[in-house]
C-alpha atoms as a PDB file:
ATOM      1  CA  MET A   1      -0.181   0.008  -0.455  1.00  0.00           C
ATOM      2  CA  ASP A   2       3.000   2.203   0.363  1.00  0.00           C
ATOM      3  CA  VAL A   3       2.869   3.333  -3.395  1.00  0.00           C
ATOM      4  CA  LEU A   4      -1.284   3.852  -2.908  1.00  0.00           C
ATOM      5  CA  LEU A   5      -0.101   6.522  -0.533  1.00  0.00           C
ATOM      6  CA  ASP A   6       2.428   7.751  -2.711  1.00  0.00           C
ATOM      7  CA  SER A   7       0.114   8.248  -5.032  1.00  0.00           C
ATOM      8  CA  LEU A   8      -2.436   9.824  -2.989  1.00  0.00           C
ATOM      9  CA  ARG A   9       0.458  12.811  -2.312  1.00  0.00           C
ATOM     10  CA  LYS A  10       1.751  13.475  -5.673  1.00  0.00           C
ATOM     11  CA  ASN A  11      -1.324  12.888  -7.728  1.00  0.00           C
ATOM     12  CA  ARG A  12      -4.427  14.380  -5.806  1.00  0.00           C
ATOM     13  CA  PRO A  13      -7.139  12.441  -7.509  1.00  0.00           C
ATOM     14  CA  ARG A  14     -10.618  13.495  -7.234  1.00  0.00           C
ATOM     15  CA  GLU A  15     -12.173  10.466  -6.152  1.00  0.00           C
ATOM     16  CA  ILE A  16     -11.307   7.432  -4.128  1.00  0.00           C
ATOM     17  CA  ARG A  17     -13.503   4.338  -4.423  1.00  0.00           C
ATOM     18  CA  ILE A  18     -13.189   1.269  -1.827  1.00  0.00           C
ATOM     19  CA  PHE A  19     -14.310  -2.269  -0.961  1.00  0.00           C
ATOM     20  CA  HIS A  20     -13.669  -2.778   2.543  1.00  0.00           C
ATOM     21  CA  PRO A  21     -13.567  -6.528   3.635  1.00  0.00           C
ATOM     22  CA  ALA A  22     -14.425  -7.903   6.937  1.00  0.00           C
ATOM     23  CA  SER A  23     -10.766  -7.996   8.281  1.00  0.00           C
ATOM     24  CA  ALA A  24      -9.478  -5.691  10.861  1.00  0.00           C
ATOM     25  CA  GLY A  25      -5.914  -6.642   9.020  1.00  0.00           C
ATOM     26  CA  ALA A  26      -7.281  -4.611   5.898  1.00  0.00           C
ATOM     27  CA  ALA A  27      -8.486  -2.231   8.074  1.00  0.00           C
ATOM     28  CA  THR A  28      -5.482  -0.508   9.343  1.00  0.00           C
ATOM     29  CA  LEU A  29      -4.122  -0.094   5.902  1.00  0.00           C
ATOM     30  CA  LEU A  30      -8.034   1.463   4.307  1.00  0.00           C
ATOM     31  CA  SER A  31      -8.062   3.945   7.670  1.00  0.00           C
ATOM     32  CA  ALA A  32      -4.558   5.415   6.428  1.00  0.00           C
ATOM     33  CA  VAL A  33      -5.627   5.683   3.139  1.00  0.00           C
ATOM     34  CA  THR A  34      -8.879   7.353   3.401  1.00  0.00           C
ATOM     35  CA  ARG A  35      -7.461   9.725   5.942  1.00  0.00           C
ATOM     36  CA  ARG A  36      -4.918  10.751   3.496  1.00  0.00           C
ATOM     37  CA  ALA A  37      -7.593  10.857   0.506  1.00  0.00           C
ATOM     38  CA  LEU A  38      -9.795  12.698   2.808  1.00  0.00           C
ATOM     39  CA  SER A  39      -6.964  15.353   3.955  1.00  0.00           C
ATOM     40  CA  SER A  40      -5.779  15.996   0.544  1.00  0.00           C
ATOM     41  CA  GLY A  41      -9.738  16.912  -0.577  1.00  0.00           C
ATOM     42  CA  ALA A  42     -10.923  13.946  -2.727  1.00  0.00           C
ATOM     43  CA  GLN A  43     -14.493  12.533  -2.427  1.00  0.00           C
ATOM     44  CA  VAL A  44     -14.282   8.940  -0.664  1.00  0.00           C
ATOM     45  CA  ARG A  45     -16.648   6.042  -1.040  1.00  0.00           C
ATOM     46  CA  THR A  46     -16.492   3.081   0.372  1.00  0.00           C
ATOM     47  CA  VAL A  47     -18.739   0.058   0.747  1.00  0.00           C
ATOM     48  CA  VAL A  48     -17.980  -1.978   3.641  1.00  0.00           C
ATOM     49  CA  GLU A  49     -18.451  -5.851   4.007  1.00  0.00           C
ATOM     50  CA  ARG A  50     -21.250  -6.389   6.558  1.00  0.00           C
ATOM     51  CA  ARG A  51     -19.550  -8.922   8.992  1.00  0.00           C
ATOM     52  CA  ALA A  52     -17.183  -5.763   9.567  1.00  0.00           C
ATOM     53  CA  GLY A  53     -19.843  -4.181  12.071  1.00  0.00           C
ATOM     54  CA  ALA A  54     -18.922  -7.178  14.446  1.00  0.00           C
ATOM     55  CA  GLU A  55     -14.861  -6.344  14.271  1.00  0.00           C
ATOM     56  CA  PRO A  56     -13.611  -4.823  17.110  1.00  0.00           C
ATOM     57  CA  GLY A  57     -13.098  -1.276  16.446  1.00  0.00           C
ATOM     58  CA  LEU A  58     -14.039  -0.860  13.357  1.00  0.00           C
ATOM     59  CA  PRO A  59     -17.753   0.516  13.983  1.00  0.00           C
ATOM     60  CA  PRO A  60     -16.196   3.667  15.479  1.00  0.00           C
ATOM     61  CA  ALA A  61     -13.279   3.764  12.734  1.00  0.00           C
ATOM     62  CA  PHE A  62     -16.099   4.336   9.782  1.00  0.00           C
ATOM     63  CA  ARG A  63     -18.229   6.914  12.170  1.00  0.00           C
ATOM     64  CA  THR A  64     -15.065   8.853  12.210  1.00  0.00           C
ATOM     65  CA  GLN A  65     -14.500   8.480   8.543  1.00  0.00           C
ATOM     66  CA  HIS A  66     -17.953   9.592   7.875  1.00  0.00           C
ATOM     67  CA  ARG A  67     -17.966  12.682  10.002  1.00  0.00           C
ATOM     68  CA  ALA A  68     -14.881  13.511   8.199  1.00  0.00           C
ATOM     69  CA  GLY A  69     -16.710  13.399   4.837  1.00  0.00           C
ATOM     70  CA  ALA A  70     -16.264   9.854   3.291  1.00  0.00           C
ATOM     71  CA  ARG A  71     -19.605   8.103   2.083  1.00  0.00           C
ATOM     72  CA  ILE A  72     -20.100   4.689   3.163  1.00  0.00           C
ATOM     73  CA  ARG A  73     -22.571   1.979   2.466  1.00  0.00           C
ATOM     74  CA  THR A  74     -22.503  -1.754   3.232  1.00  0.00           C
ATOM     75  CA  ALA A  75     -22.776  -5.072   1.612  1.00  0.00           C
ATOM     76  CA  ASP A  76     -23.450  -9.166   2.114  1.00  0.00           C
ATOM     77  CA  SER A  77     -20.219  -9.466   0.811  1.00  0.00           C
ATOM     78  CA  VAL A  78     -17.343  -7.516  -1.482  1.00  0.00           C
ATOM     79  CA  PRO A  79     -15.588  -9.248  -4.244  1.00  0.00           C
ATOM     80  CA  HIS A  80     -11.955  -7.869  -3.600  1.00  0.00           C
ATOM     81  CA  CYS A  81     -10.174  -5.520  -1.031  1.00  0.00           C
ATOM     82  CA  LEU A  82      -9.974  -2.835  -3.434  1.00  0.00           C
ATOM     83  CA  VAL A  83      -8.920   0.775  -3.620  1.00  0.00           C
ATOM     84  CA  LEU A  84      -9.307   3.003  -7.220  1.00  0.00           C
ATOM     85  CA  LEU A  85      -7.739   6.093  -7.539  1.00  0.00           C
ATOM     86  CA  ASP A  86      -9.811   7.630  -9.942  1.00  0.00           C
ATOM     87  CA  ARG A  87      -9.214   5.634 -13.329  1.00  0.00           C
ATOM     88  CA  THR A  88      -5.406   5.954 -13.188  1.00  0.00           C
ATOM     89  CA  MET A  89      -4.030   3.197 -10.880  1.00  0.00           C
ATOM     90  CA  ALA A  90      -5.965   0.333  -8.455  1.00  0.00           C
ATOM     91  CA  VAL A  91      -4.810  -2.031  -5.755  1.00  0.00           C
ATOM     92  CA  LEU A  92      -6.022  -5.404  -4.844  1.00  0.00           C
ATOM     93  CA  ALA A  93      -5.509  -7.117  -2.098  1.00  0.00           C
ATOM     94  CA  SER A  94      -5.948 -10.725  -0.264  1.00  0.00           C
ATOM     95  CA  GLN A  95      -8.661 -10.869   2.246  1.00  0.00           C
ATOM     96  CA  GLY A  96      -8.784 -12.634   4.973  1.00  0.00           C
ATOM     97  CA  SER A  97      -7.819 -12.543   9.134  1.00  0.00           C
ATOM     98  CA  GLY A  98      -4.410 -10.716   9.437  1.00  0.00           C
ATOM     99  CA  GLU A  99      -2.474  -8.273   6.977  1.00  0.00           C
ATOM    100  CA  PRO A 100      -2.721  -8.493   3.578  1.00  0.00           C
ATOM    101  CA  GLN A 101      -0.438 -11.257   1.679  1.00  0.00           C
ATOM    102  CA  TRP A 102      -0.686  -9.957  -1.441  1.00  0.00           C
ATOM    103  CA  ALA A 103      -1.485  -6.939  -3.597  1.00  0.00           C
ATOM    104  CA  THR A 104      -1.616  -6.332  -7.047  1.00  0.00           C
ATOM    105  CA  LEU A 105      -0.942  -2.874  -8.695  1.00  0.00           C
ATOM    106  CA  VAL A 106      -3.137  -2.386 -11.566  1.00  0.00           C
ATOM    107  CA  ARG A 107      -2.316   0.360 -13.994  1.00  0.00           C
ATOM    108  CA  GLU A 108      -3.745  -1.275 -17.464  1.00  0.00           C
ATOM    109  CA  ARG A 109      -7.219   1.006 -18.832  1.00  0.00           C
ATOM    110  CA  THR A 110      -9.564  -2.475 -19.287  1.00  0.00           C
ATOM    111  CA  MET A 111      -8.836  -3.744 -16.057  1.00  0.00           C
ATOM    112  CA  LEU A 112      -9.519  -0.121 -14.605  1.00  0.00           C
ATOM    113  CA  SER A 113     -13.114   0.416 -16.259  1.00  0.00           C
ATOM    114  CA  GLY A 114     -13.726  -3.394 -15.272  1.00  0.00           C
ATOM    115  CA  LEU A 115     -13.176  -2.593 -11.505  1.00  0.00           C
ATOM    116  CA  SER A 116     -15.068   0.903 -11.855  1.00  0.00           C
ATOM    117  CA  THR A 117     -17.688  -0.693 -13.024  1.00  0.00           C
ATOM    118  CA  LEU A 118     -17.944  -3.345 -10.792  1.00  0.00           C
ATOM    119  CA  PHE A 119     -17.356  -1.026  -7.808  1.00  0.00           C
ATOM    120  CA  ASP A 120     -20.796   1.041  -8.931  1.00  0.00           C
ATOM    121  CA  LEU A 121     -22.773  -1.813  -9.493  1.00  0.00           C
ATOM    122  CA  VAL A 122     -21.950  -3.192  -6.037  1.00  0.00           C
ATOM    123  CA  TRP A 123     -22.542   0.898  -4.573  1.00  0.00           C
ATOM    124  CA  ALA A 124     -25.742   1.624  -6.447  1.00  0.00           C
ATOM    125  CA  SER A 125     -27.432  -2.268  -4.821  1.00  0.00           C
ATOM    126  CA  ALA A 126     -25.494  -1.136  -0.965  1.00  0.00           C
ATOM    127  CA  ALA A 127     -27.490  -0.183   1.545  1.00  0.00           C
ATOM    128  CA  PRO A 128     -26.771   3.466   2.854  1.00  0.00           C
ATOM    129  CA  VAL A 129     -25.731   3.557   6.487  1.00  0.00           C
ATOM    130  CA  ASP A 130     -27.625   5.707   8.698  1.00  0.00           C
ATOM    131  CA  GLU A 131     -25.140   8.073  10.881  1.00  0.00           C
ATOM    132  CA  ALA A 132     -27.300  10.916  11.742  1.00  0.00           C
ATOM    133  CA  PRO A 133     -26.351  11.303  15.710  1.00  0.00           C
ATOM    134  CA  CYS A 134     -27.820   9.225  18.254  1.00  0.00           C
ATOM    135  CA  ALA A 135     -27.682  10.364  21.753  1.00  0.00           C
ATOM    136  CA  PRO A 136     -27.239   7.974  24.209  1.00  0.00           C
ATOM    137  CA  GLY A 137     -30.158   8.626  26.430  1.00  0.00           C
ATOM    138  CA  PRO A 138     -31.538   6.137  29.009  1.00  0.00           C
ATOM    139  CA  GLU A 139     -31.133   2.624  28.451  1.00  0.00           C
ATOM    140  CA  PRO A 140     -33.958   0.452  27.378  1.00  0.00           C
ATOM    141  CA  GLU A 141     -35.516  -1.569  29.532  1.00  0.00           C
ATOM    142  CA  ALA A 142     -35.329  -4.709  27.762  1.00  0.00           C
ATOM    143  CA  LEU A 143     -31.460  -4.116  27.252  1.00  0.00           C
ATOM    144  CA  SER A 144     -31.025  -4.787  30.513  1.00  0.00           C
ATOM    145  CA  ASN A 145     -31.951  -8.282  30.167  1.00  0.00           C
ATOM    146  CA  ALA A 146     -29.281 -10.826  31.140  1.00  0.00           C
ATOM    147  CA  MET A 147     -30.162 -12.894  27.900  1.00  0.00           C
ATOM    148  CA  THR A 148     -30.125 -10.248  25.602  1.00  0.00           C
ATOM    149  CA  ARG A 149     -26.825  -8.604  26.845  1.00  0.00           C
ATOM    150  CA  GLN A 150     -25.550 -11.999  26.542  1.00  0.00           C
ATOM    151  CA  LEU A 151     -26.713 -12.534  22.844  1.00  0.00           C
ATOM    152  CA  ILE A 152     -25.299  -8.799  22.191  1.00  0.00           C
ATOM    153  CA  LEU A 153     -21.855  -9.866  23.088  1.00  0.00           C
ATOM    154  CA  LEU A 154     -22.136 -13.433  21.416  1.00  0.00           C
ATOM    155  CA  LEU A 155     -22.843 -11.218  18.141  1.00  0.00           C
ATOM    156  CA  SER A 156     -20.375  -9.304  18.518  1.00  0.00           C
ATOM    157  CA  GLU A 157     -17.832 -12.075  18.478  1.00  0.00           C
ATOM    158  CA  GLY A 158     -19.049 -13.057  15.093  1.00  0.00           C
ATOM    159  CA  LEU A 159     -21.547 -15.476  16.047  1.00  0.00           C
ATOM    160  CA  ASN A 160     -24.466 -16.071  13.607  1.00  0.00           C
ATOM    161  CA  ASP A 161     -27.965 -17.041  14.933  1.00  0.00           C
ATOM    162  CA  GLU A 162     -27.382 -20.757  14.826  1.00  0.00           C
ATOM    163  CA  ALA A 163     -24.069 -20.638  16.960  1.00  0.00           C
ATOM    164  CA  ALA A 164     -25.686 -18.047  19.333  1.00  0.00           C
ATOM    165  CA  ALA A 165     -28.651 -19.969  19.677  1.00  0.00           C
ATOM    166  CA  LYS A 166     -26.560 -23.334  20.868  1.00  0.00           C
ATOM    167  CA  GLU A 167     -24.698 -21.050  22.830  1.00  0.00           C
ATOM    168  CA  LEU A 168     -27.544 -19.947  25.076  1.00  0.00           C
ATOM    169  CA  GLY A 169     -29.375 -23.002  25.131  1.00  0.00           C
ATOM    170  CA  THR A 170     -32.143 -21.572  23.166  1.00  0.00           C
ATOM    171  CA  SER A 171     -34.112 -22.065  20.054  1.00  0.00           C
ATOM    172  CA  LEU A 172     -32.921 -19.989  16.668  1.00  0.00           C
ATOM    173  CA  ARG A 173     -36.662 -18.953  16.662  1.00  0.00           C
ATOM    174  CA  THR A 174     -35.929 -17.052  20.215  1.00  0.00           C
ATOM    175  CA  VAL A 175     -32.581 -15.728  19.524  1.00  0.00           C
ATOM    176  CA  ARG A 176     -34.185 -14.202  16.088  1.00  0.00           C
ATOM    177  CA  ARG A 177     -36.509 -12.728  17.813  1.00  0.00           C
ATOM    178  CA  HIS A 178     -34.307 -10.970  20.258  1.00  0.00           C
ATOM    179  CA  VAL A 179     -32.250  -9.925  17.404  1.00  0.00           C
ATOM    180  CA  ALA A 180     -35.290  -8.110  16.277  1.00  0.00           C
ATOM    181  CA  GLU A 181     -35.985  -6.774  19.268  1.00  0.00           C
ATOM    182  CA  ILE A 182     -32.548  -5.330  19.737  1.00  0.00           C
ATOM    183  CA  LYS A 183     -32.769  -3.902  16.150  1.00  0.00           C
ATOM    184  CA  GLU A 184     -36.111  -2.127  16.622  1.00  0.00           C
ATOM    185  CA  MET A 185     -34.719  -0.662  20.429  1.00  0.00           C
ATOM    186  CA  VAL A 186     -31.820   1.013  18.569  1.00  0.00           C
ATOM    187  CA  ASN A 187     -33.934   1.857  15.682  1.00  0.00           C
ATOM    188  CA  ALA A 188     -31.560   0.169  13.689  1.00  0.00           C
ATOM    189  CA  LYS A 189     -32.521  -1.432   9.728  1.00  0.00           C
ATOM    190  CA  ASN A 190     -29.330  -3.797   9.531  1.00  0.00           C
ATOM    191  CA  ARG A 191     -26.768  -5.897  12.189  1.00  0.00           C
ATOM    192  CA  PHE A 192     -23.787  -3.217  10.782  1.00  0.00           C
ATOM    193  CA  GLN A 193     -26.121  -0.530  11.836  1.00  0.00           C
ATOM    194  CA  THR A 194     -27.238  -2.457  15.063  1.00  0.00           C
ATOM    195  CA  ALA A 195     -23.632  -2.612  16.197  1.00  0.00           C
ATOM    196  CA  VAL A 196     -22.892   0.901  15.549  1.00  0.00           C
ATOM    197  CA  ARG A 197     -25.585   2.376  17.902  1.00  0.00           C
ATOM    198  CA  LEU A 198     -25.000  -0.330  20.168  1.00  0.00           C
ATOM    199  CA  THR A 199     -21.307   1.127  20.313  1.00  0.00           C
ATOM    200  CA  LYS A 200     -22.568   4.634  20.452  1.00  0.00           C
ATOM    201  CA  ARG A 201     -24.760   3.547  23.879  1.00  0.00           C
ATOM    202  CA  GLY A 202     -21.219   1.512  24.980  1.00  0.00           C
ATOM    203  CA  LEU A 203     -23.087  -1.652  24.839  1.00  0.00           C
ATOM    204  CA  LEU A 204     -20.557  -2.957  22.581  1.00  0.00           C
END
C-alpha cells in the first residue's frame, strides 16, 4: 500500500473508491488511505462488508471516516479488498484475517474500467449507513435483560444466529426474535447499523 499512499500525495485524485472486507488486518491500511485521501480533498466512497460491524474497533473507525466526509454503504459481501483511484490506478489485495498476504497494482485501462464498473454496481445495490447522531439517552429496559446482553456479546464476536442459539441453549426462533427486538430498540435497519448504535450507547 506504500505506492498507493505515495500516489495520493503526488497525484491528488478526485475520487477514491474502496471495497472494505471484514478483516481487521485490512482495516489499518484502508483507514490510512482514507485519511490521506480526505485530507487531500478527494471524495471517498466505501462499501463495507457487513460482517465488519462485528470486528472490534471498526464501527467507531467508520463513524470517524463518515464525519470527515466519507460516504459509506454496506453489502453482504465485497468481491475484493480494493482501492481505486479515479480511473488511473487500483490496488487489489487478499482478504482474510491478519495483514493482506498479497497485493496487485493495476494500471491497465481495460482492467481499471472493469473494476470501476464493478464498484459502481455494488455501490448501487449496497445499503446506506444511517450515521445521524444518536443521543445516548436512557438504556431501554429490555437491554438490561441478561440474555439480551449475552446475545449482544455473542453477536459482536461474529457468531451467527444458529451458533448463538446453541451457545445460549435456546431455540433459533428465540434468538431471531431477540435480534429483531434489539434492532427495533436502537431503530436499526441491519446488523451493521445495530452494531454502530450499540457502540454509541456503550453496549459493545
